Amino acid sequence: MKLLKIIALSLSLLWISAHAQNISIATGGTGGVYYPMGGGLASVLSSKVPGMSATAEVTGGSVDNLNLIGTGKPYVGFSMADAAKDAQIGEGKFVNKKVDLRTLVVLYPNLMHVVTVDSTGIKSMKDLKGKRVSTGAPGSATEVMAFRLLEAAGMDKDKDVKRERLSVAESVNAIKDRKIDAFFWVGGLPTAAVTDLANTPGTKIVMIDTNEEVTAMNKKYGNLYFTANIPKATYSGMAKDNKVAAVANILVVNANMPDDQAYKIVKAIFDNKLELVRTHQEFMSVNLDNQKQKATPIDFHPGALKFFKEKNAKVN
């Protein structure tokens, strides 16, 4: 009898192992917003979805995440809408390597931070000319959007600025050490690394407005960008609200993800929203009213649509 129980237990464990759903969450750098959100999502999927085990990975950001999804392995990736569109159609950093994507969830608006300190004298996009500027980490969508902003402001990214390619955390350290004059970062509010810079004794941050570049960006790249505000209370020392270019953040997967798996992930996000908000406040922006096809250039996954239909959420 004891032997039969052992055999039954072994068979049960083998079945569980064979049917386990191991998911990797592709996030971003540790100083940004994707990383804590991805950690929270991995924790919820592992604890709330039977048979699912999820782990969060540090990456360079959207472009890296989309390339990982392109491998066909079970990745869920955070991405900006503009980078995802490039991956879907095979343009920009994805020439000759299209990625067949589907949207799981529209997340929150990503707001462009162009950050400097008052000692540099930089007050506008035009003032960046000739300066030492970080345009974001390699593999990040910050870099994609930074290049488009510089172009919209009438500057050549290779000739008009002395360009560095640093993560947001590296950018903050570089500006503290006076190795750069300003940096681009596109992310949610607040971003931990920018908060760190703003709270540094003897430092007064200056946030550069980028709203005037939105029209030119949309004219060239499609209706992906919109204007938004970073309220002056967001970071210590801000003199006024910062008027910025913004783009949607989306959670995307490879089109080959099984419908039931996609459904379970989306359901877990909405069923455990309060737990997710504890990991980062930007999860507050995730709601059924925002799940509109016009908000993402990538079609929704059938598994996501099944959940939205159950909740009577109108996607179109």
C-alpha atoms as a PDB file:
ATOM      1  CA  MET A   1       0.000   0.000   0.000  1.00  0.00           C
ATOM      2  CA  LYS A   2       2.823   2.349   0.939  1.00  0.00           C
ATOM      3  CA  LEU A   3       4.530   1.609  -2.402  1.00  0.00           C
ATOM      4  CA  LEU A   4       1.340   2.435  -4.289  1.00  0.00           C
ATOM      5  CA  LYS A   5       1.107   5.818  -2.481  1.00  0.00           C
ATOM      6  CA  ILE A   6       4.709   6.596  -3.386  1.00  0.00           C
ATOM      7  CA  ILE A   7       4.072   5.689  -7.033  1.00  0.00           C
ATOM      8  CA  ALA A   8       0.896   7.796  -7.074  1.00  0.00           C
ATOM      9  CA  LEU A   9       2.737  10.767  -5.559  1.00  0.00           C
ATOM     10  CA  SER A  10       5.582  10.413  -8.052  1.00  0.00           C
ATOM     11  CA  LEU A  11       3.150  10.306 -10.972  1.00  0.00           C
ATOM     12  CA  SER A  12       1.371  13.379  -9.586  1.00  0.00           C
ATOM     13  CA  LEU A  13       4.639  15.304  -9.310  1.00  0.00           C
ATOM     14  CA  LEU A  14       5.602  14.257 -12.833  1.00  0.00           C
ATOM     15  CA  TRP A  15       2.257  15.510 -14.152  1.00  0.00           C
ATOM     16  CA  ILE A  16       2.664  18.834 -12.342  1.00  0.00           C
ATOM     17  CA  SER A  17       6.203  19.196 -13.694  1.00  0.00           C
ATOM     18  CA  ALA A  18       5.096  18.387 -17.234  1.00  0.00           C
ATOM     19  CA  HIS A  19       2.250  20.893 -17.056  1.00  0.00           C
ATOM     20  CA  ALA A  20       4.085  23.648 -15.160  1.00  0.00           C
ATOM     21  CA  GLN A  21       3.899  27.046 -16.792  1.00  0.00           C
ATOM     22  CA  ASN A  22       7.237  28.793 -16.364  1.00  0.00           C
ATOM     23  CA  ILE A  23       7.029  32.454 -17.319  1.00  0.00           C
ATOM     24  CA  SER A  24       9.810  35.035 -17.526  1.00  0.00           C
ATOM     25  CA  ILE A  25       8.929  38.700 -17.024  1.00  0.00           C
ATOM     26  CA  ALA A  26      11.208  40.985 -19.058  1.00  0.00           C
ATOM     27  CA  THR A  27      11.393  44.318 -17.198  1.00  0.00           C
ATOM     28  CA  GLY A  28      14.082  47.023 -17.352  1.00  0.00           C
ATOM     29  CA  GLY A  29      16.882  48.535 -15.273  1.00  0.00           C
ATOM     30  CA  THR A  30      16.774  48.498 -11.478  1.00  0.00           C
ATOM     31  CA  GLY A  31      16.416  52.308 -11.244  1.00  0.00           C
ATOM     32  CA  GLY A  32      13.275  52.440 -13.379  1.00  0.00           C
ATOM     33  CA  VAL A  33       9.600  51.536 -13.009  1.00  0.00           C
ATOM     34  CA  TYR A  34       9.347  48.355 -15.110  1.00  0.00           C
ATOM     35  CA  TYR A  35      11.602  46.494 -12.689  1.00  0.00           C
ATOM     36  CA  PRO A  36       9.540  46.846  -9.478  1.00  0.00           C
ATOM     37  CA  MET A  37       6.319  46.359 -11.446  1.00  0.00           C
ATOM     38  CA  GLY A  38       7.706  43.224 -13.064  1.00  0.00           C
ATOM     39  CA  GLY A  39       8.795  41.872  -9.692  1.00  0.00           C
ATOM     40  CA  GLY A  40       5.301  42.440  -8.337  1.00  0.00           C
ATOM     41  CA  LEU A  41       3.733  40.744 -11.345  1.00  0.00           C
ATOM     42  CA  ALA A  42       6.045  37.723 -11.048  1.00  0.00           C
ATOM     43  CA  SER A  43       5.122  37.362  -7.379  1.00  0.00           C
ATOM     44  CA  VAL A  44       1.378  37.503  -8.100  1.00  0.00           C
ATOM     45  CA  LEU A  45       1.549  35.006 -10.979  1.00  0.00           C
ATOM     46  CA  SER A  46       3.608  32.576  -8.896  1.00  0.00           C
ATOM     47  CA  SER A  47       1.387  32.791  -5.822  1.00  0.00           C
ATOM     48  CA  LYS A  48      -2.074  33.213  -7.348  1.00  0.00           C
ATOM     49  CA  VAL A  49      -2.075  31.143 -10.553  1.00  0.00           C
ATOM     50  CA  PRO A  50      -1.963  27.386  -9.886  1.00  0.00           C
ATOM     51  CA  GLY A  51       0.865  25.680 -11.776  1.00  0.00           C
ATOM     52  CA  MET A  52       2.487  28.930 -12.881  1.00  0.00           C
ATOM     53  CA  SER A  53       5.976  30.009 -11.856  1.00  0.00           C
ATOM     54  CA  ALA A  54       7.184  33.457 -12.891  1.00  0.00           C
ATOM     55  CA  THR A  55      10.509  35.235 -12.469  1.00  0.00           C
ATOM     56  CA  ALA A  56      11.417  38.847 -13.256  1.00  0.00           C
ATOM     57  CA  GLU A  57      14.562  39.600 -15.269  1.00  0.00           C
ATOM     58  CA  VAL A  58      16.605  42.811 -15.336  1.00  0.00           C
ATOM     59  CA  THR A  59      16.979  44.003 -18.961  1.00  0.00           C
ATOM     60  CA  GLY A  60      17.946  47.105 -20.911  1.00  0.00           C
ATOM     61  CA  GLY A  61      14.252  47.907 -21.418  1.00  0.00           C
ATOM     62  CA  SER A  62      11.663  47.713 -24.195  1.00  0.00           C
ATOM     63  CA  VAL A  63      13.923  46.832 -27.122  1.00  0.00           C
ATOM     64  CA  ASP A  64      15.652  44.040 -25.186  1.00  0.00           C
ATOM     65  CA  ASN A  65      12.259  42.786 -23.988  1.00  0.00           C
ATOM     66  CA  LEU A  66      10.844  42.660 -27.505  1.00  0.00           C
ATOM     67  CA  ASN A  67      13.898  40.756 -28.745  1.00  0.00           C
ATOM     68  CA  LEU A  68      13.435  38.243 -25.919  1.00  0.00           C
ATOM     69  CA  ILE A  69       9.782  37.791 -26.868  1.00  0.00           C
ATOM     70  CA  GLY A  70      10.947  37.292 -30.449  1.00  0.00           C
ATOM     71  CA  THR A  71      12.793  34.125 -29.371  1.00  0.00           C
ATOM     72  CA  GLY A  72       9.387  32.457 -29.020  1.00  0.00           C
ATOM     73  CA  LYS A  73      10.102  31.499 -25.411  1.00  0.00           C
ATOM     74  CA  PRO A  74       7.427  32.190 -22.754  1.00  0.00           C
ATOM     75  CA  TYR A  75       8.235  35.834 -22.060  1.00  0.00           C
ATOM     76  CA  VAL A  76       5.894  38.561 -20.896  1.00  0.00           C
ATOM     77  CA  GLY A  77       7.464  41.922 -21.650  1.00  0.00           C
ATOM     78  CA  PHE A  78       6.965  45.523 -20.623  1.00  0.00           C
ATOM     79  CA  SER A  79       7.248  47.829 -23.624  1.00  0.00           C
ATOM     80  CA  MET A  80       6.551  51.298 -24.850  1.00  0.00           C
ATOM     81  CA  ALA A  81       4.019  51.393 -27.678  1.00  0.00           C
ATOM     82  CA  ASP A  82       6.410  52.994 -30.184  1.00  0.00           C
ATOM     83  CA  ALA A  83       9.093  50.323 -29.758  1.00  0.00           C
ATOM     84  CA  ALA A  84       6.450  47.576 -29.969  1.00  0.00           C
ATOM     85  CA  LYS A  85       5.130  49.000 -33.234  1.00  0.00           C
ATOM     86  CA  ASP A  86       8.661  49.026 -34.682  1.00  0.00           C
ATOM     87  CA  ALA A  87       9.083  45.373 -33.672  1.00  0.00           C
ATOM     88  CA  GLN A  88       5.745  44.373 -35.185  1.00  0.00           C
ATOM     89  CA  ILE A  89       6.470  45.968 -38.571  1.00  0.00           C
ATOM     90  CA  GLY A  90      10.244  45.395 -38.637  1.00  0.00           C
ATOM     91  CA  GLU A  91      11.488  48.979 -38.534  1.00  0.00           C
ATOM     92  CA  GLY A  92      14.008  50.991 -36.520  1.00  0.00           C
ATOM     93  CA  LYS A  93      15.972  48.639 -34.284  1.00  0.00           C
ATOM     94  CA  PHE A  94      14.008  45.670 -35.672  1.00  0.00           C
ATOM     95  CA  VAL A  95      14.904  45.828 -39.369  1.00  0.00           C
ATOM     96  CA  ASN A  96      14.853  42.270 -40.780  1.00  0.00           C
ATOM     97  CA  LYS A  97      13.622  40.801 -37.468  1.00  0.00           C
ATOM     98  CA  LYS A  98       9.884  41.322 -37.096  1.00  0.00           C
ATOM     99  CA  VAL A  99       8.295  40.100 -33.869  1.00  0.00           C
ATOM    100  CA  ASP A 100       4.731  38.752 -33.986  1.00  0.00           C
ATOM    101  CA  LEU A 101       3.297  40.400 -30.882  1.00  0.00           C
ATOM    102  CA  ARG A 102       0.017  40.574 -29.010  1.00  0.00           C
ATOM    103  CA  THR A 103      -1.026  42.969 -26.244  1.00  0.00           C
ATOM    104  CA  LEU A 104      -2.124  41.557 -22.906  1.00  0.00           C
ATOM    105  CA  VAL A 105      -2.792  44.802 -21.032  1.00  0.00           C
ATOM    106  CA  VAL A 106      -2.513  48.549 -21.602  1.00  0.00           C
ATOM    107  CA  LEU A 107      -0.595  49.702 -18.536  1.00  0.00           C
ATOM    108  CA  TYR A 108       0.113  53.391 -17.848  1.00  0.00           C
ATOM    109  CA  PRO A 109       1.470  56.434 -19.682  1.00  0.00           C
ATOM    110  CA  ASN A 110       5.249  56.666 -19.931  1.00  0.00           C
ATOM    111  CA  LEU A 111       6.342  60.270 -19.464  1.00  0.00           C
ATOM    112  CA  MET A 112       9.509  61.680 -21.001  1.00  0.00           C
ATOM    113  CA  HIS A 113      11.874  63.136 -18.436  1.00  0.00           C
ATOM    114  CA  VAL A 114      14.605  65.396 -19.799  1.00  0.00           C
ATOM    115  CA  VAL A 115      16.530  66.087 -16.619  1.00  0.00           C
ATOM    116  CA  THR A 116      19.341  68.476 -15.824  1.00  0.00           C
ATOM    117  CA  VAL A 117      20.455  70.606 -12.871  1.00  0.00           C
ATOM    118  CA  ASP A 118      20.348  74.387 -12.573  1.00  0.00           C
ATOM    119  CA  SER A 119      24.145  74.778 -12.661  1.00  0.00           C
ATOM    120  CA  THR A 120      24.201  73.713 -16.353  1.00  0.00           C
ATOM    121  CA  GLY A 121      22.042  76.638 -17.497  1.00  0.00           C
ATOM    122  CA  ILE A 122      19.978  74.288 -19.700  1.00  0.00           C
ATOM    123  CA  LYS A 123      16.341  75.379 -19.839  1.00  0.00           C
ATOM    124  CA  SER A 124      15.016  74.079 -23.171  1.00  0.00           C
ATOM    125  CA  MET A 125      15.549  71.355 -25.769  1.00  0.00           C
ATOM    126  CA  LYS A 126      17.523  73.825 -27.924  1.00  0.00           C
ATOM    127  CA  ASP A 127      19.940  74.364 -25.030  1.00  0.00           C
ATOM    128  CA  LEU A 128      21.051  70.719 -25.300  1.00  0.00           C
ATOM    129  CA  LYS A 129      23.042  71.535 -28.446  1.00  0.00           C
ATOM    130  CA  GLY A 130      26.729  70.878 -27.839  1.00  0.00           C
ATOM    131  CA  LYS A 131      26.095  69.396 -24.392  1.00  0.00           C
ATOM    132  CA  ARG A 132      27.001  66.017 -22.932  1.00  0.00           C
ATOM    133  CA  VAL A 133      23.727  64.109 -22.895  1.00  0.00           C
ATOM    134  CA  SER A 134      22.675  60.539 -22.090  1.00  0.00           C
ATOM    135  CA  THR A 135      19.947  59.330 -24.446  1.00  0.00           C
ATOM    136  CA  GLY A 136      19.231  56.131 -22.528  1.00  0.00           C
ATOM    137  CA  ALA A 137      20.595  52.624 -22.206  1.00  0.00           C
ATOM    138  CA  PRO A 138      21.250  50.452 -25.253  1.00  0.00           C
ATOM    139  CA  GLY A 139      18.220  48.202 -25.671  1.00  0.00           C
ATOM    140  CA  SER A 140      15.847  50.734 -24.174  1.00  0.00           C
ATOM    141  CA  ALA A 141      12.874  52.523 -25.695  1.00  0.00           C
ATOM    142  CA  THR A 142      14.129  55.663 -23.929  1.00  0.00           C
ATOM    143  CA  GLU A 143      16.790  55.754 -26.636  1.00  0.00           C
ATOM    144  CA  VAL A 144      14.177  55.335 -29.395  1.00  0.00           C
ATOM    145  CA  MET A 145      12.062  58.207 -28.083  1.00  0.00           C
ATOM    146  CA  ALA A 146      15.057  60.414 -27.236  1.00  0.00           C
ATOM    147  CA  PHE A 147      16.286  60.204 -30.840  1.00  0.00           C
ATOM    148  CA  ARG A 148      12.825  61.143 -32.116  1.00  0.00           C
ATOM    149  CA  LEU A 149      12.587  64.091 -29.713  1.00  0.00           C
ATOM    150  CA  LEU A 150      15.985  65.440 -30.744  1.00  0.00           C
ATOM    151  CA  GLU A 151      14.971  65.086 -34.397  1.00  0.00           C
ATOM    152  CA  ALA A 152      11.660  66.891 -33.753  1.00  0.00           C
ATOM    153  CA  ALA A 153      13.593  69.686 -32.019  1.00  0.00           C
ATOM    154  CA  GLY A 154      15.720  70.113 -35.161  1.00  0.00           C
ATOM    155  CA  MET A 155      18.851  68.414 -33.883  1.00  0.00           C
ATOM    156  CA  ASP A 156      21.061  65.621 -35.192  1.00  0.00           C
ATOM    157  CA  LYS A 157      21.602  62.996 -32.489  1.00  0.00           C
ATOM    158  CA  ASP A 158      25.103  62.219 -33.768  1.00  0.00           C
ATOM    159  CA  LYS A 159      26.353  65.747 -34.466  1.00  0.00           C
ATOM    160  CA  ASP A 160      24.545  68.167 -32.157  1.00  0.00           C
ATOM    161  CA  VAL A 161      25.029  66.460 -28.785  1.00  0.00           C
ATOM    162  CA  LYS A 162      27.875  64.564 -27.160  1.00  0.00           C
ATOM    163  CA  ARG A 163      25.936  61.380 -26.637  1.00  0.00           C
ATOM    164  CA  GLU A 164      26.251  58.797 -23.875  1.00  0.00           C
ATOM    165  CA  ARG A 165      24.160  55.610 -23.593  1.00  0.00           C
ATOM    166  CA  LEU A 166      23.427  55.207 -19.893  1.00  0.00           C
ATOM    167  CA  SER A 167      20.616  53.692 -17.837  1.00  0.00           C
ATOM    168  CA  VAL A 168      18.624  56.047 -15.645  1.00  0.00           C
ATOM    169  CA  ALA A 169      20.577  55.005 -12.540  1.00  0.00           C
ATOM    170  CA  GLU A 170      23.899  55.475 -14.378  1.00  0.00           C
ATOM    171  CA  SER A 171      22.691  58.830 -15.728  1.00  0.00           C
ATOM    172  CA  VAL A 172      21.926  60.103 -12.240  1.00  0.00           C
ATOM    173  CA  ASN A 173      25.391  59.123 -11.010  1.00  0.00           C
ATOM    174  CA  ALA A 174      26.980  60.737 -14.078  1.00  0.00           C
ATOM    175  CA  ILE A 175      25.128  64.014 -13.582  1.00  0.00           C
ATOM    176  CA  LYS A 176      26.103  64.035  -9.893  1.00  0.00           C
ATOM    177  CA  ASP A 177      29.735  63.591 -10.943  1.00  0.00           C
ATOM    178  CA  ARG A 178      29.361  66.318 -13.634  1.00  0.00           C
ATOM    179  CA  LYS A 179      30.241  63.805 -16.359  1.00  0.00           C
ATOM    180  CA  ILE A 180      27.065  64.655 -18.281  1.00  0.00           C
ATOM    181  CA  ASP A 181      24.914  67.780 -18.436  1.00  0.00           C
ATOM    182  CA  ALA A 182      21.469  66.206 -18.944  1.00  0.00           C
ATOM    183  CA  PHE A 183      19.747  62.898 -19.562  1.00  0.00           C
ATOM    184  CA  PHE A 184      16.643  61.459 -21.170  1.00  0.00           C
ATOM    185  CA  TRP A 185      14.490  58.956 -19.331  1.00  0.00           C
ATOM    186  CA  VAL A 186      10.977  57.861 -20.199  1.00  0.00           C
ATOM    187  CA  GLY A 187       9.103  56.198 -17.371  1.00  0.00           C
ATOM    188  CA  GLY A 188       6.344  56.258 -14.818  1.00  0.00           C
ATOM    189  CA  LEU A 189       5.924  58.492 -11.795  1.00  0.00           C
ATOM    190  CA  PRO A 190       7.834  58.665  -9.635  1.00  0.00           C
ATOM    191  CA  THR A 191      11.021  57.094 -10.995  1.00  0.00           C
ATOM    192  CA  ALA A 192      13.260  56.092  -8.088  1.00  0.00           C
ATOM    193  CA  ALA A 193      16.524  57.240  -9.679  1.00  0.00           C
ATOM    194  CA  VAL A 194      15.139  60.725 -10.488  1.00  0.00           C
ATOM    195  CA  THR A 195      13.797  60.988  -6.943  1.00  0.00           C
ATOM    196  CA  ASP A 196      17.317  60.175  -5.708  1.00  0.00           C
ATOM    197  CA  LEU A 197      18.815  62.991  -7.792  1.00  0.00           C
ATOM    198  CA  ALA A 198      16.142  65.482  -6.696  1.00  0.00           C
ATOM    199  CA  ASN A 199      16.793  64.663  -3.033  1.00  0.00           C
ATOM    200  CA  THR A 200      20.584  65.046  -3.307  1.00  0.00           C
ATOM    201  CA  PRO A 201      21.775  67.885  -1.011  1.00  0.00           C
ATOM    202  CA  GLY A 202      23.002  70.930  -2.913  1.00  0.00           C
ATOM    203  CA  THR A 203      21.289  69.816  -6.129  1.00  0.00           C
ATOM    204  CA  LYS A 204      18.324  71.530  -7.792  1.00  0.00           C
ATOM    205  CA  ILE A 205      16.862  69.597 -10.693  1.00  0.00           C
ATOM    206  CA  VAL A 206      15.478  71.240 -13.816  1.00  0.00           C
ATOM    207  CA  MET A 207      12.915  69.402 -15.963  1.00  0.00           C
ATOM    208  CA  ILE A 208      12.842  70.381 -19.653  1.00  0.00           C
ATOM    209  CA  ASP A 209       9.473  70.715 -21.436  1.00  0.00           C
ATOM    210  CA  THR A 210       9.052  68.460 -24.501  1.00  0.00           C
ATOM    211  CA  ASN A 211       5.354  68.938 -25.356  1.00  0.00           C
ATOM    212  CA  GLU A 212       6.058  71.134 -28.397  1.00  0.00           C
ATOM    213  CA  GLU A 213       7.800  68.254 -30.194  1.00  0.00           C
ATOM    214  CA  VAL A 214       4.782  65.906 -30.084  1.00  0.00           C
ATOM    215  CA  THR A 215       3.119  67.126 -33.302  1.00  0.00           C
ATOM    216  CA  ALA A 216       6.255  66.590 -35.407  1.00  0.00           C
ATOM    217  CA  MET A 217       6.835  63.156 -33.863  1.00  0.00           C
ATOM    218  CA  ASN A 218       3.291  61.996 -34.616  1.00  0.00           C
ATOM    219  CA  LYS A 219       3.489  63.347 -38.157  1.00  0.00           C
ATOM    220  CA  LYS A 220       6.495  61.134 -38.893  1.00  0.00           C
ATOM    221  CA  TYR A 221       5.894  58.064 -36.730  1.00  0.00           C
ATOM    222  CA  GLY A 222       2.123  57.739 -36.465  1.00  0.00           C
ATOM    223  CA  ASN A 223      -0.281  58.791 -33.772  1.00  0.00           C
ATOM    224  CA  LEU A 224       1.642  57.232 -30.884  1.00  0.00           C
ATOM    225  CA  TYR A 225       2.505  60.233 -28.726  1.00  0.00           C
ATOM    226  CA  PHE A 226       0.481  62.622 -26.594  1.00  0.00           C
ATOM    227  CA  THR A 227       1.121  65.447 -24.143  1.00  0.00           C
ATOM    228  CA  ALA A 228       1.046  65.041 -20.388  1.00  0.00           C
ATOM    229  CA  ASN A 229       2.180  66.743 -17.192  1.00  0.00           C
ATOM    230  CA  ILE A 230       4.694  65.742 -14.550  1.00  0.00           C
ATOM    231  CA  PRO A 231       3.245  67.619 -11.538  1.00  0.00           C
ATOM    232  CA  LYS A 232       5.779  69.789  -9.705  1.00  0.00           C
ATOM    233  CA  ALA A 233       5.118  67.853  -6.493  1.00  0.00           C
ATOM    234  CA  THR A 234       6.496  64.666  -8.106  1.00  0.00           C
ATOM    235  CA  TYR A 235      10.162  65.463  -7.515  1.00  0.00           C
ATOM    236  CA  SER A 236      11.705  67.723  -4.896  1.00  0.00           C
ATOM    237  CA  GLY A 237      12.843  71.111  -6.224  1.00  0.00           C
ATOM    238  CA  MET A 238      10.666  71.262  -9.336  1.00  0.00           C
ATOM    239  CA  ALA A 239       9.737  74.900  -9.963  1.00  0.00           C
ATOM    240  CA  LYS A 240       6.603  74.157 -12.027  1.00  0.00           C
ATOM    241  CA  ASP A 241       4.663  71.384 -13.722  1.00  0.00           C
ATOM    242  CA  ASN A 242       6.708  69.800 -16.518  1.00  0.00           C
ATOM    243  CA  LYS A 243       4.879  69.642 -19.903  1.00  0.00           C
ATOM    244  CA  VAL A 244       6.088  66.513 -21.644  1.00  0.00           C
ATOM    245  CA  ALA A 245       5.730  64.072 -24.511  1.00  0.00           C
ATOM    246  CA  ALA A 246       4.237  60.750 -23.420  1.00  0.00           C
ATOM    247  CA  VAL A 247       3.568  57.296 -24.854  1.00  0.00           C
ATOM    248  CA  ALA A 248       1.557  54.305 -23.654  1.00  0.00           C
ATOM    249  CA  ASN A 249       3.158  51.363 -21.877  1.00  0.00           C
ATOM    250  CA  ILE A 250       1.843  47.944 -22.768  1.00  0.00           C
ATOM    251  CA  LEU A 251       2.380  44.391 -21.595  1.00  0.00           C
ATOM    252  CA  VAL A 252       3.094  42.222 -24.631  1.00  0.00           C
ATOM    253  CA  VAL A 253       3.741  38.577 -25.488  1.00  0.00           C
ATOM    254  CA  ASN A 254       4.536  36.477 -28.526  1.00  0.00           C
ATOM    255  CA  ALA A 255       1.448  35.650 -30.599  1.00  0.00           C
ATOM    256  CA  ASN A 256       2.213  31.958 -29.992  1.00  0.00           C
ATOM    257  CA  MET A 257       1.316  32.155 -26.275  1.00  0.00           C
ATOM    258  CA  PRO A 258      -1.584  29.748 -25.612  1.00  0.00           C
ATOM    259  CA  ASP A 259      -4.937  31.458 -25.092  1.00  0.00           C
ATOM    260  CA  ASP A 260      -5.491  29.923 -21.644  1.00  0.00           C
ATOM    261  CA  GLN A 261      -2.099  31.133 -20.432  1.00  0.00           C
ATOM    262  CA  ALA A 262      -2.702  34.687 -21.644  1.00  0.00           C
ATOM    263  CA  TYR A 263      -6.172  34.634 -20.053  1.00  0.00           C
ATOM    264  CA  LYS A 264      -4.778  33.534 -16.675  1.00  0.00           C
ATOM    265  CA  ILE A 265      -2.128  36.272 -16.677  1.00  0.00           C
ATOM    266  CA  VAL A 266      -4.625  39.038 -17.486  1.00  0.00           C
ATOM    267  CA  LYS A 267      -7.128  37.723 -14.950  1.00  0.00           C
ATOM    268  CA  ALA A 268      -4.445  37.595 -12.252  1.00  0.00           C
ATOM    269  CA  ILE A 269      -3.514  41.229 -12.917  1.00  0.00           C
ATOM    270  CA  PHE A 270      -7.056  42.528 -12.514  1.00  0.00           C
ATOM    271  CA  ASP A 271      -7.992  40.172  -9.662  1.00  0.00           C
ATOM    272  CA  ASN A 272      -4.926  41.182  -7.624  1.00  0.00           C
ATOM    273  CA  LYS A 273      -4.624  44.856  -8.441  1.00  0.00           C
ATOM    274  CA  LEU A 274      -4.343  46.046  -4.839  1.00  0.00           C
ATOM    275  CA  GLU A 275      -1.457  43.676  -4.186  1.00  0.00           C
ATOM    276  CA  LEU A 276       0.253  44.910  -7.341  1.00  0.00           C
ATOM    277  CA  VAL A 277      -0.236  48.570  -6.382  1.00  0.00           C
ATOM    278  CA  ARG A 278       1.811  47.891  -3.253  1.00  0.00           C
ATOM    279  CA  THR A 279       4.808  47.140  -5.490  1.00  0.00           C
ATOM    280  CA  HIS A 280       4.412  50.348  -7.523  1.00  0.00           C
ATOM    281  CA  GLN A 281       1.686  52.985  -7.652  1.00  0.00           C
ATOM    282  CA  GLU A 282       1.591  52.969 -11.480  1.00  0.00           C
ATOM    283  CA  PHE A 283      -0.488  49.777 -11.234  1.00  0.00           C
ATOM    284  CA  MET A 284      -3.286  52.162 -10.172  1.00  0.00           C
ATOM    285  CA  SER A 285      -3.505  53.234 -13.833  1.00  0.00           C
ATOM    286  CA  VAL A 286      -4.362  49.711 -14.981  1.00  0.00           C
ATOM    287  CA  ASN A 287      -8.126  49.503 -15.352  1.00  0.00           C
ATOM    288  CA  LEU A 288     -10.700  48.033 -17.710  1.00  0.00           C
ATOM    289  CA  ASP A 289     -11.681  51.433 -19.122  1.00  0.00           C
ATOM    290  CA  ASN A 290      -8.143  51.854 -20.521  1.00  0.00           C
ATOM    291  CA  GLN A 291      -8.170  48.567 -22.432  1.00  0.00           C
ATOM    292  CA  LYS A 292      -8.890  50.092 -25.825  1.00  0.00           C
ATOM    293  CA  GLN A 293      -7.473  48.916 -29.135  1.00  0.00           C
ATOM    294  CA  LYS A 294      -6.767  52.547 -30.068  1.00  0.00           C
ATOM    295  CA  ALA A 295      -4.449  52.785 -27.034  1.00  0.00           C
ATOM    296  CA  THR A 296      -2.047  50.165 -28.430  1.00  0.00           C
ATOM    297  CA  PRO A 297      -0.689  49.636 -31.947  1.00  0.00           C
ATOM    298  CA  ILE A 298      -0.560  45.883 -31.242  1.00  0.00           C
ATOM    299  CA  ASP A 299      -3.707  43.713 -31.422  1.00  0.00           C
ATOM    300  CA  PHE A 300      -4.952  42.249 -28.156  1.00  0.00           C
ATOM    301  CA  HIS A 301      -4.276  38.567 -27.507  1.00  0.00           C
ATOM    302  CA  PRO A 302      -7.401  36.362 -27.812  1.00  0.00           C
ATOM    303  CA  GLY A 303      -6.872  35.261 -24.205  1.00  0.00           C
ATOM    304  CA  ALA A 304      -6.982  38.889 -23.062  1.00  0.00           C
ATOM    305  CA  LEU A 305     -10.088  39.558 -25.163  1.00  0.00           C
ATOM    306  CA  LYS A 306     -11.823  36.584 -23.529  1.00  0.00           C
ATOM    307  CA  PHE A 307     -11.271  38.129 -20.090  1.00  0.00           C
ATOM    308  CA  PHE A 308     -12.400  41.598 -21.199  1.00  0.00           C
ATOM    309  CA  LYS A 309     -15.565  40.093 -22.721  1.00  0.00           C
ATOM    310  CA  GLU A 310     -16.355  38.344 -19.442  1.00  0.00           C
ATOM    311  CA  LYS A 311     -16.065  41.726 -17.709  1.00  0.00           C
ATOM    312  CA  ASN A 312     -18.220  43.445 -20.372  1.00  0.00           C
ATOM    313  CA  ALA A 313     -15.339  45.753 -21.191  1.00  0.00           C
ATOM    314  CA  LYS A 314     -15.653  47.335 -24.640  1.00  0.00           C
ATOM    315  CA  VAL A 315     -12.240  47.195 -26.317  1.00  0.00           C
ATOM    316  CA  ASN A 316     -13.116  48.804 -29.662  1.00  0.00           C
END
